[in-house]
């Protein structure tokens, strides 16, 4: 049976500052229901649970998958109990992950799946993905059989422990996107699946694995924004089945965080030069090609007028984009910088595509990104 990655969320260490945020407190005697949109259909579903940043074992008292109805409600009769090596309960090792057994639940690409975890033991701080831009739900006790979702009394816009969903689609043409908050979908309308990863999946009809983390850096680790991309590529992309293409959109935070002191403790990046970023991109290319992936480079979006903009950042960003365009080291190039630039001021995002911070696109901008990358693919 050949499985295909239909959805992903890259794990991040527990942290404060995202509200509401349950990662530091973790869970105890509670159930957690999380909704994800699949980019590949199939008759069987399995999930990956991550305890990558857990310092103790994560005990799963029970888990289900079901077709989403609305909010925390699921379609009656669709819930399937998950097993792990044949058992209804499971333990995810500290710093480890666990893949469930397949459960029979036919779903089409574009449909939403609800994954419910019952956590009856203290989890400790939770491995999570901070910015989901879609609601997740929590309630007291064992709510695995709660079809209507009324027991789920709290909401957040983060994902916890859930790092991937795979289907038995048998496809090997999946696209992985490695990036920061732009790839994560910051600026898109929450709850509507209008990130550029979602729109790319709709345009191409291919599975898409989103490995974006808001604030992520190419060259430096961050207690807030996760491990640097040159390290996490293997876990967040190369470790997932059914992928044949990687799109890289990274480097803006490396150069931009050094230009702002708005939140200095959150922005730990030292000043970097374009040649250092090129070295990082080359490391990603080597790793991905070594795993048999085609690698597409995307130029950094215009960011003039944003809190990342400054003399050094402008110079380094321009130099990196010129290398991506002209070096020939990527298998193909998606020039997102030119696709989203304001014709009157190419250093800035087109006003029609600007979320409002001059850094992140809105829904329309993400649609342009998806179209540009789809044309290259």
Protein backbone atom coordinates (compact mmCIF):
# COMPACT_ATOMS: atom_id res chain seq x y z
CA UNK A 1 0.00 0.00 0.00
CA UNK A 2 1.53 3.31 -1.12
CA UNK A 3 0.76 6.37 1.00
CA UNK A 4 0.82 9.99 -0.09
CA UNK A 5 1.28 13.06 2.08
CA UNK A 6 -2.02 14.93 2.00
CA UNK A 7 -1.39 17.55 4.72
CA UNK A 8 1.47 18.64 6.96
CA UNK A 9 2.28 21.12 9.72
CA UNK A 10 5.89 21.58 10.78
CA UNK A 11 6.50 21.03 14.52
CA UNK A 12 7.63 23.94 16.69
CA UNK A 13 8.86 24.06 20.29
CA UNK A 14 6.38 25.16 22.98
CA UNK A 15 6.43 28.92 23.39
CA UNK A 16 4.54 31.84 24.83
CA UNK A 17 3.15 34.78 22.92
CA UNK A 18 0.63 33.22 20.55
CA UNK A 19 -2.86 33.76 21.96
CA UNK A 20 -4.70 31.65 22.93
CA UNK A 21 -1.84 29.20 23.22
CA UNK A 22 -1.95 25.86 25.01
CA UNK A 23 1.60 24.73 24.19
CA UNK A 24 3.25 25.72 27.47
CA UNK A 25 0.53 24.31 29.73
CA UNK A 26 -0.07 21.19 27.64
CA UNK A 27 -3.07 18.92 28.21
CA UNK A 28 -4.50 16.69 30.92
CA UNK A 29 -7.84 14.79 31.07
CA UNK A 30 -8.91 16.59 27.90
CA UNK A 31 -9.75 15.94 24.26
CA UNK A 32 -8.35 17.89 21.34
CA UNK A 33 -10.12 18.10 17.96
CA UNK A 34 -8.18 19.50 15.01
CA UNK A 35 -9.44 20.18 11.49
CA UNK A 36 -7.24 19.89 8.41
CA UNK A 37 -7.90 20.16 4.68
CA UNK A 38 -6.57 17.28 2.57
CA UNK A 39 -4.83 17.83 -0.77
CA UNK A 40 -4.97 14.15 -1.77
CA UNK A 41 -7.92 11.80 -1.49
CA UNK A 42 -8.04 8.11 -0.74
CA UNK A 43 -9.91 5.29 0.93
CA UNK A 44 -7.59 4.96 3.93
CA UNK A 45 -6.20 7.57 6.29
CA UNK A 46 -3.29 7.52 8.70
CA UNK A 47 -1.86 10.29 10.86
CA UNK A 48 1.57 11.24 12.17
CA UNK A 49 1.91 12.51 15.72
CA UNK A 50 4.99 14.46 16.76
CA UNK A 51 6.53 14.78 20.20
CA UNK A 52 9.64 16.37 18.70
CA UNK A 53 10.08 18.87 21.53
CA UNK A 54 8.61 16.80 24.34
CA UNK A 55 10.92 15.91 27.22
CA UNK A 56 8.74 13.02 28.38
CA UNK A 57 6.55 10.36 26.79
CA UNK A 58 3.26 11.50 25.24
CA UNK A 59 0.42 9.13 26.13
CA UNK A 60 -2.51 8.89 23.71
CA UNK A 61 -5.58 7.39 25.42
CA UNK A 62 -7.52 7.23 22.15
CA UNK A 63 -7.84 8.85 18.75
CA UNK A 64 -10.36 9.13 15.91
CA UNK A 65 -10.61 10.53 12.40
CA UNK A 66 -13.90 11.71 10.91
CA UNK A 67 -15.33 13.84 8.14
CA UNK A 68 -15.72 17.42 9.31
CA UNK A 69 -19.24 18.85 9.43
CA UNK A 70 -18.92 22.41 10.74
CA UNK A 71 -16.79 23.83 13.52
CA UNK A 72 -16.07 21.09 16.05
CA UNK A 73 -18.92 18.90 14.74
CA UNK A 74 -18.24 15.83 12.62
CA UNK A 75 -20.44 13.93 10.18
CA UNK A 76 -22.49 11.32 12.08
CA UNK A 77 -21.35 7.78 11.38
CA UNK A 78 -18.03 8.84 9.86
CA UNK A 79 -15.80 8.56 12.94
CA UNK A 80 -13.18 5.82 12.85
CA UNK A 81 -11.10 4.76 15.83
CA UNK A 82 -7.39 4.92 15.14
CA UNK A 83 -5.06 2.18 16.28
CA UNK A 84 -1.31 2.14 16.70
CA UNK A 85 0.33 -1.19 15.94
CA UNK A 86 -3.10 -2.70 16.52
CA UNK A 87 -3.71 -1.06 19.92
CA UNK A 88 -6.20 1.73 20.70
CA UNK A 89 -3.74 3.47 23.03
CA UNK A 90 -0.25 4.63 22.22
CA UNK A 91 2.89 6.26 23.59
CA UNK A 92 4.92 8.71 21.51
CA UNK A 93 8.54 8.73 22.72
CA UNK A 94 10.15 11.94 23.92
CA UNK A 95 11.70 13.70 20.90
CA UNK A 96 10.00 11.14 18.65
CA UNK A 97 7.02 10.60 16.39
CA UNK A 98 4.43 7.89 15.79
CA UNK A 99 2.41 6.86 12.73
CA UNK A 100 -1.05 5.36 13.21
CA UNK A 101 -2.37 2.28 11.46
CA UNK A 102 -4.52 3.07 8.39
CA UNK A 103 -8.23 3.63 9.03
CA UNK A 104 -10.84 3.10 6.32
CA UNK A 105 -12.45 6.48 5.61
CA UNK A 106 -12.93 7.52 1.96
CA UNK A 107 -12.21 11.21 1.42
CA UNK A 108 -11.61 13.32 -1.67
CA UNK A 109 -8.96 15.98 -2.18
CA UNK A 110 -10.26 19.26 -0.79
CA UNK A 111 -12.36 17.65 1.94
CA UNK A 112 -11.72 18.42 5.61
CA UNK A 113 -10.77 15.82 8.17
CA UNK A 114 -11.23 16.11 11.93
CA UNK A 115 -8.60 14.37 14.07
CA UNK A 116 -9.52 13.94 17.74
CA UNK A 117 -7.05 12.97 20.46
CA UNK A 118 -8.00 11.98 24.01
CA UNK A 119 -5.16 12.87 26.39
CA UNK A 120 -5.87 11.41 29.82
CA UNK A 121 -2.36 11.82 31.27
CA UNK A 122 -0.40 15.01 31.81
CA UNK A 123 1.38 15.78 28.53
CA UNK A 124 3.73 18.50 29.72
CA UNK A 125 4.55 21.31 27.27
CA UNK A 126 3.23 20.41 23.83
CA UNK A 127 4.96 20.26 20.48
CA UNK A 128 2.78 22.43 18.27
CA UNK A 129 2.43 24.48 15.10
CA UNK A 130 1.72 28.02 16.21
CA UNK A 131 -0.09 29.63 13.29
CA UNK A 132 -2.73 27.34 11.83
CA UNK A 133 -5.15 30.05 10.65
CA UNK A 134 -7.95 27.59 11.25
CA UNK A 135 -9.69 26.73 14.54
CA UNK A 136 -8.80 23.79 16.79
CA UNK A 137 -10.95 22.76 19.74
CA UNK A 138 -10.44 21.54 23.32
CA UNK A 139 -12.81 20.13 25.94
CA UNK A 140 -12.73 18.25 29.22
CA UNK A 141 -12.75 14.45 29.37
CA UNK A 142 -13.14 11.81 26.67
CA UNK A 143 -14.90 13.45 23.72
CA UNK A 144 -13.96 10.94 21.02
CA UNK A 145 -17.65 10.11 20.50
CA UNK A 146 -18.86 13.73 20.62
CA UNK A 147 -20.33 14.07 17.12
CA UNK A 148 -21.97 17.45 17.63
CA UNK A 149 -18.87 19.02 19.13
CA UNK A 150 -20.72 20.64 22.03
CA UNK A 151 -18.19 19.37 24.57
CA UNK A 152 -15.40 21.33 22.93
CA UNK A 153 -15.66 24.62 24.78
CA UNK A 154 -12.31 26.25 23.95
CA UNK A 155 -10.75 27.25 20.64
CA UNK A 156 -7.34 28.24 19.36
CA UNK A 157 -5.69 28.72 15.97
CA UNK A 158 -2.78 26.33 16.49
CA UNK A 159 -2.23 22.63 15.84
CA UNK A 160 -0.85 20.34 18.57
CA UNK A 161 1.08 17.06 18.15
CA UNK A 162 -0.44 16.49 14.69
CA UNK A 163 2.27 16.80 12.02
CA UNK A 164 0.87 14.98 8.96
CA UNK A 165 -2.05 13.16 7.41
CA UNK A 166 -1.47 10.59 4.69
CA UNK A 167 -3.86 8.80 2.36
CA UNK A 168 -3.54 5.66 0.24
CA UNK A 169 -3.74 7.74 -2.95
CA UNK A 170 -0.64 6.01 -4.28
CA UNK A 171 0.60 9.28 -5.78
CA UNK A 172 4.23 10.33 -6.00
CA UNK A 173 3.82 13.81 -7.51
CA UNK A 174 3.46 15.81 -4.29
CA UNK A 175 4.83 19.32 -3.91
CA UNK A 176 6.50 20.46 -0.68
CA UNK A 177 6.80 24.14 0.21
CA UNK A 178 9.62 25.13 2.58
CA UNK A 179 9.31 28.65 3.92
CA UNK A 180 8.41 31.13 6.63
CA UNK A 181 5.22 33.06 7.49
CA UNK A 182 4.41 33.73 3.83
CA UNK A 183 4.31 29.98 3.17
CA UNK A 184 2.55 29.42 6.51
CA UNK A 185 -0.24 31.69 5.26
CA UNK A 186 0.00 34.80 7.46
CA UNK A 187 -2.35 37.42 6.02
CA UNK A 188 -4.79 34.94 4.51
CA UNK A 189 -8.36 34.88 5.79
CA UNK A 190 -8.49 32.44 8.75
CA UNK A 191 -10.72 29.41 8.32
CA UNK A 192 -10.98 29.72 4.53
CA UNK A 193 -7.93 27.73 3.32
CA UNK A 194 -6.60 30.53 1.10
CA UNK A 195 -2.91 30.16 1.84
CA UNK A 196 -0.89 29.87 -1.35
CA UNK A 197 -0.33 26.19 -0.57
CA UNK A 198 -4.11 25.61 -0.64
CA UNK A 199 -4.51 27.57 -3.85
CA UNK A 200 -1.58 25.75 -5.46
CA UNK A 201 -3.19 22.39 -4.68
CA UNK A 202 -6.44 23.53 -6.28
CA UNK A 203 -4.68 24.91 -9.37
CA UNK A 204 -2.43 21.92 -10.01
CA UNK A 205 -4.57 19.07 -8.70
CA UNK A 206 -1.44 17.76 -6.99
CA UNK A 207 -0.85 16.99 -3.30
CA UNK A 208 0.84 19.87 -1.44
CA UNK A 209 2.73 19.62 1.85
CA UNK A 210 3.09 22.98 3.59
CA UNK A 211 6.36 23.12 5.56
CA UNK A 212 6.14 26.82 6.40
CA UNK A 213 6.78 28.19 9.88
CA UNK A 214 6.06 31.82 10.68
CA UNK A 215 9.30 33.66 11.44
CA UNK A 216 11.48 30.73 10.38
CA UNK A 217 15.08 31.37 9.42
CA UNK A 218 17.24 29.72 6.80
CA UNK A 219 20.48 29.85 8.80
CA UNK A 220 19.68 30.25 12.51
CA UNK A 221 17.59 28.42 15.10
CA UNK A 222 15.00 30.32 17.12
CA UNK A 223 13.28 29.46 20.38
CA UNK A 224 10.16 31.03 18.89
CA UNK A 225 10.30 30.11 15.23
CA UNK A 226 11.79 26.65 15.26
CA UNK A 227 14.90 25.03 13.90
CA UNK A 228 16.68 26.60 10.96
CA UNK A 229 15.48 25.39 7.58
CA UNK A 230 18.78 23.78 6.60
CA UNK A 231 18.31 21.42 9.57
CA UNK A 232 14.57 20.82 9.54
CA UNK A 233 14.30 20.02 5.82
CA UNK A 234 14.94 16.33 6.45
CA UNK A 235 12.23 16.02 9.11
CA UNK A 236 9.63 18.36 7.62
CA UNK A 237 9.95 17.42 3.95
CA UNK A 238 12.25 14.54 3.12
CA UNK A 239 10.68 12.33 5.80
CA UNK A 240 7.23 12.45 4.15
CA UNK A 241 6.09 10.03 1.41
CA UNK A 242 4.83 10.82 -2.07
CA UNK A 243 6.75 14.03 -2.80
CA UNK A 244 8.74 14.76 -5.95
CA UNK A 245 9.16 18.57 -5.92
CA UNK A 246 10.40 21.10 -3.38
CA UNK A 247 9.74 24.85 -3.63
CA UNK A 248 12.03 27.01 -1.47
CA UNK A 249 11.04 30.52 -0.34
CA UNK A 250 13.44 31.53 2.44
CA UNK A 251 15.88 34.17 3.60
CA UNK A 252 13.73 37.23 4.22
CA UNK A 253 13.70 36.85 8.01
CA UNK A 254 17.45 36.23 8.10
CA UNK A 255 18.07 39.65 6.61
CA UNK A 256 14.97 41.42 7.93
CA UNK A 257 15.15 40.58 11.62
CA UNK A 258 18.46 42.40 11.87
CA UNK A 259 16.77 45.60 10.65
CA UNK A 260 14.15 45.89 13.41
CA UNK A 261 14.35 46.26 17.18
CA UNK A 262 10.58 46.22 17.64
CA UNK A 263 10.73 42.87 19.46
CA UNK A 264 14.46 42.15 19.90
CA UNK A 265 14.00 39.05 22.07
CA UNK A 266 11.85 37.47 19.37
CA UNK A 267 14.25 38.30 16.56
CA UNK A 268 17.54 36.58 17.36
CA UNK A 269 19.08 36.63 13.88
CA UNK A 270 22.51 38.18 13.43
CA UNK A 271 23.25 40.28 10.39
CA UNK A 272 23.83 38.02 7.39
CA UNK A 273 25.15 38.68 3.93
CA UNK A 274 23.75 37.45 0.63
CA UNK A 275 26.63 35.01 0.12
CA UNK A 276 25.75 33.31 3.42
CA UNK A 277 22.16 32.93 2.25
CA UNK A 278 23.37 31.48 -1.05
CA UNK A 279 25.37 28.90 0.91
CA UNK A 280 22.20 27.98 2.82
CA UNK A 281 20.18 27.64 -0.37
CA UNK A 282 22.86 25.41 -1.84
CA UNK A 283 22.65 23.15 1.22
CA UNK A 284 18.90 22.81 0.70
CA UNK A 285 19.37 22.04 -2.99
CA UNK A 286 21.95 19.33 -2.26
CA UNK A 287 19.80 17.68 0.39
CA UNK A 288 16.64 17.72 -1.71
CA UNK A 289 18.35 16.47 -4.87
CA UNK A 290 19.99 13.74 -2.83
CA UNK A 291 16.49 12.56 -1.95
CA UNK A 292 15.45 12.61 -5.61
CA UNK A 293 13.40 15.82 -5.56
CA UNK A 294 13.20 18.48 -8.24
CA UNK A 295 14.01 21.82 -6.56
CA UNK A 296 12.38 25.12 -7.48
CA UNK A 297 13.70 28.42 -6.12
CA UNK A 298 11.32 31.28 -5.43
CA UNK A 299 12.54 34.86 -5.23
CA UNK A 300 11.83 36.87 -2.08
CA UNK A 301 8.71 39.00 -2.27
CA UNK A 302 9.06 42.82 -2.31
CA UNK A 303 9.14 44.12 1.27
CA UNK A 304 9.82 47.86 0.97
CA UNK A 305 8.07 49.86 3.68
CA UNK A 306 7.86 46.88 6.06
CA UNK A 307 9.57 46.50 9.42
CA UNK A 308 12.07 44.18 7.67
CA UNK A 309 13.17 46.90 5.25
CA UNK A 310 16.47 48.74 5.58
CA UNK A 311 19.59 49.55 3.62
CA UNK A 312 21.35 46.27 4.34
CA UNK A 313 18.22 44.14 3.97
CA UNK A 314 17.37 45.77 0.63
CA UNK A 315 20.88 45.08 -0.70
CA UNK A 316 21.07 41.49 0.57
CA UNK A 317 17.55 40.69 -0.65
CA UNK A 318 18.27 42.04 -4.12
CA UNK A 319 21.54 40.12 -4.35
CA UNK A 320 19.89 36.87 -3.24
CA UNK A 321 17.09 37.28 -5.77
CA UNK A 322 19.55 37.91 -8.57
CA UNK A 323 21.40 34.72 -7.64
CA UNK A 324 18.17 32.69 -7.57
CA UNK A 325 17.17 34.08 -10.97
CA UNK A 326 20.49 33.86 -12.75
CA UNK A 327 22.72 31.20 -11.20
CA UNK A 328 21.07 28.19 -12.83
CA UNK A 329 21.52 26.21 -9.62
CA UNK A 330 17.80 25.63 -9.09
CA UNK A 331 16.01 23.31 -11.49
CA UNK A 332 13.49 26.08 -12.11
CA UNK A 333 12.70 29.55 -10.76
CA UNK A 334 9.39 31.13 -9.74
CA UNK A 335 9.96 34.90 -9.76
CA UNK A 336 7.46 35.87 -7.09
CA UNK A 337 9.22 39.18 -6.54
CA UNK A 338 8.27 40.43 -9.99
CA UNK A 339 4.84 38.78 -9.93
CA UNK A 340 3.77 40.69 -6.79
CA UNK A 341 5.68 43.96 -7.20
CA UNK A 342 4.03 47.36 -7.42
CA UNK A 343 4.79 48.65 -10.96
CA UNK A 344 5.10 52.17 -9.54
CA UNK A 345 7.62 51.04 -6.91
CA UNK A 346 9.05 47.52 -7.51
CA UNK A 347 10.56 47.42 -4.02
CA UNK A 348 7.04 47.26 -2.57
CA UNK A 349 4.18 44.80 -2.75
CA UNK A 350 1.42 45.77 -5.16
CA UNK A 351 -1.27 47.47 -3.03
CA UNK A 352 -3.88 45.00 -4.33
CA UNK A 353 -1.82 42.11 -2.91
CA UNK A 354 -0.69 43.69 0.39
CA UNK A 355 -2.17 42.36 3.64
CA UNK A 356 -1.37 45.74 5.14
CA UNK A 357 2.06 45.32 6.69
CA UNK A 358 3.94 45.60 3.36
CA UNK A 359 5.42 42.18 4.08
CA UNK A 360 2.69 39.56 3.75
CA UNK A 361 0.25 39.05 0.86
CA UNK A 362 -3.51 38.94 1.26
CA UNK A 363 -5.75 36.29 -0.31
CA UNK A 364 -5.40 37.88 -3.74
CA UNK A 365 -1.62 37.99 -3.42
CA UNK A 366 -1.50 34.34 -2.42
CA UNK A 367 -3.56 33.48 -5.51
CA UNK A 368 -0.96 35.24 -7.68
CA UNK A 369 1.82 33.30 -5.96
CA UNK A 370 0.02 30.00 -6.59
CA UNK A 371 -0.51 30.89 -10.22
CA UNK A 372 3.16 31.81 -10.71
CA UNK A 373 4.43 28.61 -9.13
CA UNK A 374 1.86 26.46 -10.94
CA UNK A 375 3.07 27.93 -14.26
CA UNK A 376 6.65 26.89 -13.44
CA UNK A 377 5.60 23.39 -12.33
